[in-house]
Amino acid sequence: MFSEKLRSIRQKNNMTQKEFARYLGISPSTISMYERGERMPTSTILRKISASSEISMDYFVNQEPVSSDVMAIIQSTCDIIRDKDNLTYKAKPVDAEKIKKLTDSILLISELILDEHIVKLRR
């Protein structure tokens, strides 16, 4: 169960709920709700939790280690797109602002899909 896994990770890092909440940029009461199983974090918070413990996000949602790998690939692809010189579309150069909008949109859509995946797992 997510709540038990989260509590275990926090305790292994020798952090209080208040310290862990500060690290994640959320309120201590939110951590408390996560640990009581009353609430699930967004994908953004789940990534921060995962990064703090160096454990795949999928560990927390009882899935094979796929979604965090997919997000890493998507992030890497967006980085490649951003770093690409002379990117064109229909033989016309694409400016940096449009590239940023494109990659931001790709990441946002991916996060929304992951959030929906997490919600389905809770059902």
C-alpha atoms as a PDB file:
ATOM      1  CA  MET A   1       0.000   0.000   0.000  1.00  0.00           C
ATOM      2  CA  PHE A   2       1.283   3.462  -0.941  1.00  0.00           C
ATOM      3  CA  SER A   3       0.771   4.945   2.510  1.00  0.00           C
ATOM      4  CA  GLU A   4       2.918   2.290   4.189  1.00  0.00           C
ATOM      5  CA  LYS A   5       5.640   2.549   1.554  1.00  0.00           C
ATOM      6  CA  LEU A   6       5.763   6.328   1.901  1.00  0.00           C
ATOM      7  CA  ARG A   7       6.014   6.184   5.699  1.00  0.00           C
ATOM      8  CA  SER A   8       8.772   3.584   5.440  1.00  0.00           C
ATOM      9  CA  ILE A   9      10.770   5.692   2.971  1.00  0.00           C
ATOM     10  CA  ARG A  10      10.392   8.830   5.096  1.00  0.00           C
ATOM     11  CA  GLN A  11      11.482   6.992   8.232  1.00  0.00           C
ATOM     12  CA  LYS A  12      14.452   5.373   6.474  1.00  0.00           C
ATOM     13  CA  ASN A  13      15.556   8.902   5.546  1.00  0.00           C
ATOM     14  CA  ASN A  14      15.248   9.861   9.256  1.00  0.00           C
ATOM     15  CA  MET A  15      12.821  12.661   8.442  1.00  0.00           C
ATOM     16  CA  THR A  16       9.792  13.889  10.339  1.00  0.00           C
ATOM     17  CA  GLN A  17       6.592  14.552   8.431  1.00  0.00           C
ATOM     18  CA  LYS A  18       7.320  18.261   8.746  1.00  0.00           C
ATOM     19  CA  GLU A  19      10.847  17.912   7.338  1.00  0.00           C
ATOM     20  CA  PHE A  20       9.680  15.689   4.488  1.00  0.00           C
ATOM     21  CA  ALA A  21       6.841  18.093   3.682  1.00  0.00           C
ATOM     22  CA  ARG A  22       9.250  21.039   3.589  1.00  0.00           C
ATOM     23  CA  TYR A  23      11.548  19.086   1.254  1.00  0.00           C
ATOM     24  CA  LEU A  24       8.632  18.311  -1.089  1.00  0.00           C
ATOM     25  CA  GLY A  25       7.169  21.813  -0.886  1.00  0.00           C
ATOM     26  CA  ILE A  26       3.844  20.691   0.583  1.00  0.00           C
ATOM     27  CA  SER A  27       2.171  20.951   3.972  1.00  0.00           C
ATOM     28  CA  PRO A  28       2.811  18.474   6.812  1.00  0.00           C
ATOM     29  CA  SER A  29      -0.925  17.725   6.884  1.00  0.00           C
ATOM     30  CA  THR A  30      -0.706  16.583   3.252  1.00  0.00           C
ATOM     31  CA  ILE A  31       2.068  14.127   4.158  1.00  0.00           C
ATOM     32  CA  SER A  32      -0.087  12.942   7.032  1.00  0.00           C
ATOM     33  CA  MET A  33      -3.030  12.354   4.664  1.00  0.00           C
ATOM     34  CA  TYR A  34      -0.759  10.426   2.267  1.00  0.00           C
ATOM     35  CA  GLU A  35       0.479   8.237   5.120  1.00  0.00           C
ATOM     36  CA  ARG A  36      -3.065   7.578   6.362  1.00  0.00           C
ATOM     37  CA  GLY A  37      -4.164   6.617   2.853  1.00  0.00           C
ATOM     38  CA  GLU A  38      -6.633   9.484   2.602  1.00  0.00           C
ATOM     39  CA  ARG A  39      -5.007  11.100  -0.383  1.00  0.00           C
ATOM     40  CA  MET A  40      -2.656  10.283  -3.289  1.00  0.00           C
ATOM     41  CA  PRO A  41       0.020  12.661  -4.563  1.00  0.00           C
ATOM     42  CA  THR A  42       0.133  14.144  -8.042  1.00  0.00           C
ATOM     43  CA  SER A  43       2.728  12.790 -10.452  1.00  0.00           C
ATOM     44  CA  THR A  44       4.918  15.842  -9.753  1.00  0.00           C
ATOM     45  CA  ILE A  45       4.987  15.155  -6.001  1.00  0.00           C
ATOM     46  CA  LEU A  46       5.372  11.437  -6.640  1.00  0.00           C
ATOM     47  CA  ARG A  47       8.472  12.178  -8.750  1.00  0.00           C
ATOM     48  CA  LYS A  48       9.927  14.269  -5.906  1.00  0.00           C
ATOM     49  CA  ILE A  49       9.252  11.458  -3.436  1.00  0.00           C
ATOM     50  CA  SER A  50      10.820   8.986  -5.835  1.00  0.00           C
ATOM     51  CA  ALA A  51      13.874  11.195  -6.341  1.00  0.00           C
ATOM     52  CA  SER A  52      14.328  11.682  -2.595  1.00  0.00           C
ATOM     53  CA  SER A  53      14.439   7.936  -2.057  1.00  0.00           C
ATOM     54  CA  GLU A  54      16.058   6.928  -5.369  1.00  0.00           C
ATOM     55  CA  ILE A  55      13.194   4.460  -5.834  1.00  0.00           C
ATOM     56  CA  SER A  56      11.127   4.140  -8.992  1.00  0.00           C
ATOM     57  CA  MET A  57       7.712   5.817  -8.885  1.00  0.00           C
ATOM     58  CA  ASP A  58       6.260   2.482  -9.951  1.00  0.00           C
ATOM     59  CA  TYR A  59       7.309   0.973  -6.616  1.00  0.00           C
ATOM     60  CA  PHE A  60       4.746   3.262  -4.980  1.00  0.00           C
ATOM     61  CA  VAL A  61       1.891   2.375  -7.334  1.00  0.00           C
ATOM     62  CA  ASN A  62       2.561  -1.388  -7.456  1.00  0.00           C
ATOM     63  CA  GLN A  63       3.365  -1.503 -11.150  1.00  0.00           C
ATOM     64  CA  GLU A  64       6.211  -2.867 -13.179  1.00  0.00           C
ATOM     65  CA  PRO A  65       8.962  -0.262 -13.579  1.00  0.00           C
ATOM     66  CA  VAL A  66       7.529   1.217 -16.756  1.00  0.00           C
ATOM     67  CA  SER A  67       5.986   4.660 -16.239  1.00  0.00           C
ATOM     68  CA  SER A  68       9.117   6.246 -14.737  1.00  0.00           C
ATOM     69  CA  ASP A  69      11.169   4.784 -17.590  1.00  0.00           C
ATOM     70  CA  VAL A  70       8.692   6.187 -20.103  1.00  0.00           C
ATOM     71  CA  MET A  71       8.853   9.632 -18.471  1.00  0.00           C
ATOM     72  CA  ALA A  72      12.655   9.510 -18.587  1.00  0.00           C
ATOM     73  CA  ILE A  73      12.520   8.709 -22.305  1.00  0.00           C
ATOM     74  CA  ILE A  74      10.012  11.508 -22.920  1.00  0.00           C
ATOM     75  CA  GLN A  75      12.180  13.963 -20.963  1.00  0.00           C
ATOM     76  CA  SER A  76      15.261  12.871 -22.905  1.00  0.00           C
ATOM     77  CA  THR A  77      13.409  13.271 -26.197  1.00  0.00           C
ATOM     78  CA  CYS A  78      12.302  16.782 -25.218  1.00  0.00           C
ATOM     79  CA  ASP A  79      15.904  17.649 -24.319  1.00  0.00           C
ATOM     80  CA  ILE A  80      17.051  16.449 -27.753  1.00  0.00           C
ATOM     81  CA  ILE A  81      14.348  18.532 -29.462  1.00  0.00           C
ATOM     82  CA  ARG A  82      15.359  21.626 -27.443  1.00  0.00           C
ATOM     83  CA  ASP A  83      19.050  21.153 -28.239  1.00  0.00           C
ATOM     84  CA  LYS A  84      18.512  20.524 -31.938  1.00  0.00           C
ATOM     85  CA  ASP A  85      19.940  23.258 -34.179  1.00  0.00           C
ATOM     86  CA  ASN A  86      18.018  24.367 -37.260  1.00  0.00           C
ATOM     87  CA  LEU A  87      14.826  22.474 -36.482  1.00  0.00           C
ATOM     88  CA  THR A  88      12.336  22.826 -39.333  1.00  0.00           C
ATOM     89  CA  TYR A  89       8.706  22.011 -39.973  1.00  0.00           C
ATOM     90  CA  LYS A  90       7.458  21.853 -43.564  1.00  0.00           C
ATOM     91  CA  ALA A  91      10.804  23.285 -44.671  1.00  0.00           C
ATOM     92  CA  LYS A  92      10.440  26.360 -42.410  1.00  0.00           C
ATOM     93  CA  PRO A  93      12.636  27.061 -39.384  1.00  0.00           C
ATOM     94  CA  VAL A  94      10.999  26.639 -35.987  1.00  0.00           C
ATOM     95  CA  ASP A  95      11.883  29.347 -33.473  1.00  0.00           C
ATOM     96  CA  ALA A  96      12.980  28.648 -29.901  1.00  0.00           C
ATOM     97  CA  GLU A  97       9.682  29.863 -28.406  1.00  0.00           C
ATOM     98  CA  LYS A  98       7.657  27.350 -30.431  1.00  0.00           C
ATOM     99  CA  ILE A  99      10.091  24.553 -29.553  1.00  0.00           C
ATOM    100  CA  LYS A 100       9.702  25.393 -25.856  1.00  0.00           C
ATOM    101  CA  LYS A 101       5.895  25.378 -26.170  1.00  0.00           C
ATOM    102  CA  LEU A 102       6.052  22.027 -27.944  1.00  0.00           C
ATOM    103  CA  THR A 103       8.285  20.346 -25.362  1.00  0.00           C
ATOM    104  CA  ASP A 104       6.365  21.873 -22.432  1.00  0.00           C
ATOM    105  CA  SER A 105       3.142  20.529 -23.966  1.00  0.00           C
ATOM    106  CA  ILE A 106       4.627  17.066 -24.432  1.00  0.00           C
ATOM    107  CA  LEU A 107       5.726  16.956 -20.786  1.00  0.00           C
ATOM    108  CA  LEU A 108       2.404  18.300 -19.498  1.00  0.00           C
ATOM    109  CA  ILE A 109       0.394  15.772 -21.492  1.00  0.00           C
ATOM    110  CA  SER A 110       2.656  12.981 -20.266  1.00  0.00           C
ATOM    111  CA  GLU A 111       2.174  14.068 -16.643  1.00  0.00           C
ATOM    112  CA  LEU A 112      -1.605  14.193 -17.109  1.00  0.00           C
ATOM    113  CA  ILE A 113      -1.572  10.685 -18.560  1.00  0.00           C
ATOM    114  CA  LEU A 114       0.531   9.448 -15.643  1.00  0.00           C
ATOM    115  CA  ASP A 115      -1.808  11.159 -13.153  1.00  0.00           C
ATOM    116  CA  GLU A 116      -4.777   9.419 -14.799  1.00  0.00           C
ATOM    117  CA  HIS A 117      -2.899   6.116 -14.623  1.00  0.00           C
ATOM    118  CA  ILE A 118      -2.368   6.582 -10.876  1.00  0.00           C
ATOM    119  CA  VAL A 119      -6.053   7.431 -10.351  1.00  0.00           C
ATOM    120  CA  LYS A 120      -7.095   4.246 -12.199  1.00  0.00           C
ATOM    121  CA  LEU A 121      -4.773   2.190 -10.000  1.00  0.00           C
ATOM    122  CA  ARG A 122      -6.533   3.516  -6.883  1.00  0.00           C
ATOM    123  CA  ARG A 123      -9.929   2.239  -8.082  1.00  0.00           C
END
